[in-house]
Amino acid sequence: FTACYNKKQALIAASSGVEYIAPYLGRITDNGKDGHDECRQMQNIVDGLGSGTRILVASLRDADTIAKLAMEGLDTFTFNPDVAREIFDEPLTDNAAEEFEEAAARGGTSD
């Protein structure tokens, strides 16, 4: 079941036993709804029914949205390579890794 745009469709899909539904969060938001809240409510419906249906959230445009959804129990996403890079982009981690590599090259000694 793809192109799921509201919780009523999720109710029908989960009740019918479909394996996946794919809400397009960005498109939902573009059309004046709270896409994040719709996806959260879809997950609540699936959980409430005890259904095995998975919510595959699509049309994700930033890493923060993925983190927020994950904190609310959604765990299946599809996103583009730019968002994937954003997930891994953390200057503090990059700096720590560089410092570790430099220390390792010096034999573990500090400056």
Foldseek 3Di string as FASTA:
>chain_A
DEQDQALVVLLVCQVVQDAEYEHALVVSVVVPDRSLVRLLSSVVSNVVVVGNYAYEYENDDAQVSVVVSVVSPHDHYDDDPVRVVRNVDDVVVVVVVVVVVVCVVVVNDDD
